[in-house]
Amino acid sequence: MNTLTLNIALPKELLKNADQLAKKEYRNRSELIREALRLYIQEAQEWKELFVYGKKQGKKLGIKSEADVDRIIADYRHGKR
């Protein structure tokens, strides 16, 4: 693996919790932080894709504002599908 070393500042309590979790999972600190960052990036990408999908669907339905969304939800709740 091609790696670079970096220095980051973390609050003491966060680092303590990370070290405890790493020990519990039989990992070292670097492995735990790499996995956490990988999962964070993956989740951010999934949210981005979800928002893009939502915008496309909203456009298909002619939704142009939050007021349109509120109206659609209210109509649905009152049986006006």
N, C-alpha and C. Protein backbone atom coordinates (compact mmCIF):
# COMPACT_ATOMS: atom_id res chain seq x y z
N MET A 1 0.85 -1.17 0.00
CA MET A 1 0.00 0.00 0.00
C MET A 1 0.90 1.24 0.00
N ASN A 2 0.62 2.16 -0.89
CA ASN A 2 1.35 3.41 -0.96
C ASN A 2 0.76 4.36 0.09
N THR A 3 1.52 4.69 1.11
CA THR A 3 0.98 5.49 2.21
C THR A 3 1.80 6.74 2.44
N LEU A 4 1.14 7.70 3.05
CA LEU A 4 1.79 8.93 3.52
C LEU A 4 1.49 9.06 5.00
N THR A 5 2.41 9.62 5.72
CA THR A 5 2.21 9.86 7.14
C THR A 5 1.77 11.30 7.33
N LEU A 6 0.80 11.50 8.20
CA LEU A 6 0.34 12.86 8.48
C LEU A 6 0.13 13.04 9.98
N ASN A 7 0.16 14.28 10.39
CA ASN A 7 -0.11 14.61 11.78
C ASN A 7 -1.46 15.30 11.85
N ILE A 8 -2.28 14.87 12.79
CA ILE A 8 -3.57 15.51 13.00
C ILE A 8 -3.73 15.78 14.49
N ALA A 9 -4.51 16.78 14.80
CA ALA A 9 -4.79 17.11 16.20
C ALA A 9 -6.18 16.58 16.55
N LEU A 10 -6.26 15.84 17.65
CA LEU A 10 -7.53 15.30 18.12
C LEU A 10 -7.69 15.63 19.60
N PRO A 11 -8.94 15.86 20.01
CA PRO A 11 -9.16 16.03 21.45
C PRO A 11 -8.74 14.76 22.20
N LYS A 12 -8.21 14.94 23.39
CA LYS A 12 -7.69 13.80 24.17
C LYS A 12 -8.75 12.72 24.36
N GLU A 13 -9.97 13.12 24.66
CA GLU A 13 -11.03 12.15 24.92
C GLU A 13 -11.37 11.34 23.67
N LEU A 14 -11.38 11.99 22.51
CA LEU A 14 -11.65 11.28 21.26
C LEU A 14 -10.55 10.26 20.97
N LEU A 15 -9.32 10.66 21.17
CA LEU A 15 -8.20 9.75 20.95
C LEU A 15 -8.24 8.58 21.93
N LYS A 16 -8.58 8.87 23.16
CA LYS A 16 -8.71 7.81 24.18
C LYS A 16 -9.77 6.81 23.76
N ASN A 17 -10.92 7.31 23.31
CA ASN A 17 -12.00 6.42 22.87
C ASN A 17 -11.59 5.61 21.65
N ALA A 18 -10.89 6.24 20.72
CA ALA A 18 -10.43 5.54 19.52
C ALA A 18 -9.45 4.44 19.89
N ASP A 19 -8.53 4.74 20.78
CA ASP A 19 -7.55 3.73 21.21
C ASP A 19 -8.23 2.57 21.91
N GLN A 20 -9.22 2.85 22.73
CA GLN A 20 -9.94 1.78 23.41
C GLN A 20 -10.66 0.88 22.41
N LEU A 21 -11.30 1.51 21.42
CA LEU A 21 -12.01 0.73 20.41
C LEU A 21 -11.03 -0.08 19.57
N ALA A 22 -9.92 0.52 19.19
CA ALA A 22 -8.92 -0.20 18.40
C ALA A 22 -8.42 -1.43 19.16
N LYS A 23 -8.16 -1.25 20.43
CA LYS A 23 -7.68 -2.38 21.25
C LYS A 23 -8.75 -3.47 21.31
N LYS A 24 -10.00 -3.07 21.51
CA LYS A 24 -11.11 -4.02 21.61
C LYS A 24 -11.26 -4.80 20.31
N GLU A 25 -11.00 -4.15 19.18
CA GLU A 25 -11.15 -4.79 17.86
C GLU A 25 -9.84 -5.38 17.34
N TYR A 26 -8.82 -5.41 18.18
CA TYR A 26 -7.51 -5.97 17.81
C TYR A 26 -6.94 -5.27 16.57
N ARG A 27 -7.04 -3.95 16.56
CA ARG A 27 -6.48 -3.14 15.47
C ARG A 27 -5.50 -2.16 16.09
N ASN A 28 -4.73 -1.52 15.23
CA ASN A 28 -3.96 -0.41 15.75
C ASN A 28 -4.69 0.89 15.42
N ARG A 29 -4.21 1.97 15.96
CA ARG A 29 -4.86 3.27 15.80
C ARG A 29 -4.99 3.65 14.32
N SER A 30 -3.94 3.44 13.55
CA SER A 30 -3.97 3.80 12.13
C SER A 30 -5.04 3.02 11.38
N GLU A 31 -5.12 1.72 11.64
CA GLU A 31 -6.13 0.90 10.97
C GLU A 31 -7.54 1.39 11.28
N LEU A 32 -7.78 1.72 12.54
CA LEU A 32 -9.10 2.20 12.95
C LEU A 32 -9.44 3.52 12.27
N ILE A 33 -8.50 4.44 12.23
CA ILE A 33 -8.75 5.75 11.63
C ILE A 33 -8.90 5.62 10.12
N ARG A 34 -8.12 4.77 9.47
CA ARG A 34 -8.29 4.54 8.03
C ARG A 34 -9.68 4.02 7.72
N GLU A 35 -10.13 3.04 8.49
CA GLU A 35 -11.45 2.46 8.27
C GLU A 35 -12.55 3.49 8.53
N ALA A 36 -12.41 4.28 9.57
CA ALA A 36 -13.41 5.31 9.87
C ALA A 36 -13.49 6.33 8.74
N LEU A 37 -12.35 6.74 8.22
CA LEU A 37 -12.32 7.71 7.13
C LEU A 37 -12.90 7.11 5.85
N ARG A 38 -12.55 5.86 5.56
CA ARG A 38 -13.09 5.18 4.39
C ARG A 38 -14.62 5.10 4.46
N LEU A 39 -15.15 4.73 5.62
CA LEU A 39 -16.60 4.63 5.79
C LEU A 39 -17.27 6.00 5.70
N TYR A 40 -16.62 7.03 6.25
CA TYR A 40 -17.17 8.38 6.17
C TYR A 40 -17.27 8.83 4.72
N ILE A 41 -16.22 8.60 3.95
CA ILE A 41 -16.22 9.00 2.54
C ILE A 41 -17.28 8.22 1.76
N GLN A 42 -17.39 6.93 2.03
CA GLN A 42 -18.40 6.10 1.37
C GLN A 42 -19.80 6.61 1.70
N GLU A 43 -20.06 6.91 2.95
CA GLU A 43 -21.38 7.40 3.35
C GLU A 43 -21.68 8.76 2.72
N ALA A 44 -20.70 9.63 2.66
CA ALA A 44 -20.89 10.94 2.04
C ALA A 44 -21.24 10.77 0.56
N GLN A 45 -20.58 9.85 -0.12
CA GLN A 45 -20.87 9.59 -1.53
C GLN A 45 -22.29 9.03 -1.70
N GLU A 46 -22.69 8.14 -0.81
CA GLU A 46 -24.05 7.58 -0.89
C GLU A 46 -25.10 8.66 -0.69
N TRP A 47 -24.87 9.56 0.26
CA TRP A 47 -25.81 10.67 0.47
C TRP A 47 -25.86 11.57 -0.75
N LYS A 48 -24.70 11.84 -1.36
CA LYS A 48 -24.66 12.67 -2.56
C LYS A 48 -25.49 12.04 -3.66
N GLU A 49 -25.31 10.73 -3.87
CA GLU A 49 -26.08 10.02 -4.90
C GLU A 49 -27.57 10.05 -4.59
N LEU A 50 -27.93 9.94 -3.33
CA LEU A 50 -29.34 9.98 -2.93
C LEU A 50 -29.94 11.35 -3.22
N PHE A 51 -29.22 12.42 -2.93
CA PHE A 51 -29.73 13.76 -3.20
C PHE A 51 -29.86 14.01 -4.71
N VAL A 52 -28.90 13.51 -5.49
CA VAL A 52 -28.99 13.65 -6.95
C VAL A 52 -30.24 12.93 -7.45
N TYR A 53 -30.46 11.71 -6.96
CA TYR A 53 -31.65 10.94 -7.34
C TYR A 53 -32.92 11.69 -6.94
N GLY A 54 -32.95 12.21 -5.73
CA GLY A 54 -34.12 12.95 -5.25
C GLY A 54 -34.42 14.18 -6.10
N LYS A 55 -33.37 14.88 -6.50
CA LYS A 55 -33.57 16.06 -7.36
C LYS A 55 -34.15 15.66 -8.71
N LYS A 56 -33.65 14.55 -9.27
CA LYS A 56 -34.18 14.08 -10.55
C LYS A 56 -35.65 13.70 -10.43
N GLN A 57 -35.98 12.99 -9.35
CA GLN A 57 -37.37 12.59 -9.15
C GLN A 57 -38.26 13.81 -8.92
N GLY A 58 -37.77 14.77 -8.16
CA GLY A 58 -38.53 15.99 -7.92
C GLY A 58 -38.79 16.73 -9.21
N LYS A 59 -37.80 16.77 -10.07
CA LYS A 59 -37.95 17.45 -11.36
C LYS A 59 -39.00 16.74 -12.20
N LYS A 60 -38.97 15.39 -12.21
CA LYS A 60 -39.96 14.61 -12.96
C LYS A 60 -41.38 14.91 -12.48
N LEU A 61 -41.52 15.12 -11.17
CA LEU A 61 -42.84 15.37 -10.58
C LEU A 61 -43.23 16.84 -10.60
N GLY A 62 -42.35 17.67 -11.10
CA GLY A 62 -42.65 19.10 -11.17
C GLY A 62 -42.54 19.82 -9.84
N ILE A 63 -41.80 19.25 -8.91
CA ILE A 63 -41.61 19.86 -7.60
C ILE A 63 -40.56 20.96 -7.73
N LYS A 64 -40.95 22.18 -7.35
CA LYS A 64 -40.04 23.31 -7.50
C LYS A 64 -39.69 23.98 -6.18
N SER A 65 -40.38 23.60 -5.11
CA SER A 65 -40.12 24.25 -3.82
C SER A 65 -40.50 23.32 -2.68
N GLU A 66 -40.11 23.72 -1.48
CA GLU A 66 -40.51 22.96 -0.30
C GLU A 66 -42.02 23.04 -0.10
N ALA A 67 -42.61 24.14 -0.53
CA ALA A 67 -44.06 24.28 -0.43
C ALA A 67 -44.75 23.20 -1.27
N ASP A 68 -44.19 22.89 -2.43
CA ASP A 68 -44.75 21.82 -3.26
C ASP A 68 -44.68 20.48 -2.53
N VAL A 69 -43.56 20.23 -1.89
CA VAL A 69 -43.40 18.99 -1.12
C VAL A 69 -44.41 18.93 0.01
N ASP A 70 -44.55 20.03 0.75
CA ASP A 70 -45.53 20.09 1.85
C ASP A 70 -46.94 19.81 1.34
N ARG A 71 -47.29 20.39 0.19
CA ARG A 71 -48.62 20.20 -0.39
C ARG A 71 -48.84 18.74 -0.78
N ILE A 72 -47.84 18.13 -1.41
CA ILE A 72 -47.95 16.72 -1.82
C ILE A 72 -48.12 15.82 -0.61
N ILE A 73 -47.36 16.07 0.43
CA ILE A 73 -47.47 15.27 1.66
C ILE A 73 -48.84 15.45 2.30
N ALA A 74 -49.31 16.68 2.38
CA ALA A 74 -50.63 16.95 2.98
C ALA A 74 -51.72 16.27 2.17
N ASP A 75 -51.65 16.37 0.85
CA ASP A 75 -52.65 15.71 0.00
C ASP A 75 -52.65 14.21 0.21
N TYR A 76 -51.45 13.63 0.29
CA TYR A 76 -51.34 12.18 0.49
C TYR A 76 -51.94 11.78 1.83
N ARG A 77 -51.64 12.54 2.85
CA ARG A 77 -52.15 12.22 4.19
C ARG A 77 -53.67 12.35 4.28
N HIS A 78 -54.24 13.17 3.43
CA HIS A 78 -55.69 13.35 3.44
C HIS A 78 -56.38 12.56 2.34
N GLY A 79 -55.67 11.58 1.79
CA GLY A 79 -56.28 10.66 0.82
C GLY A 79 -56.43 11.22 -0.57
N LYS A 80 -55.77 12.32 -0.89
CA LYS A 80 -55.89 12.92 -2.22
C LYS A 80 -54.70 12.52 -3.06
N ARG A 81 -54.64 11.29 -3.41
CA ARG A 81 -53.48 10.77 -4.15
C ARG A 81 -53.56 11.12 -5.57
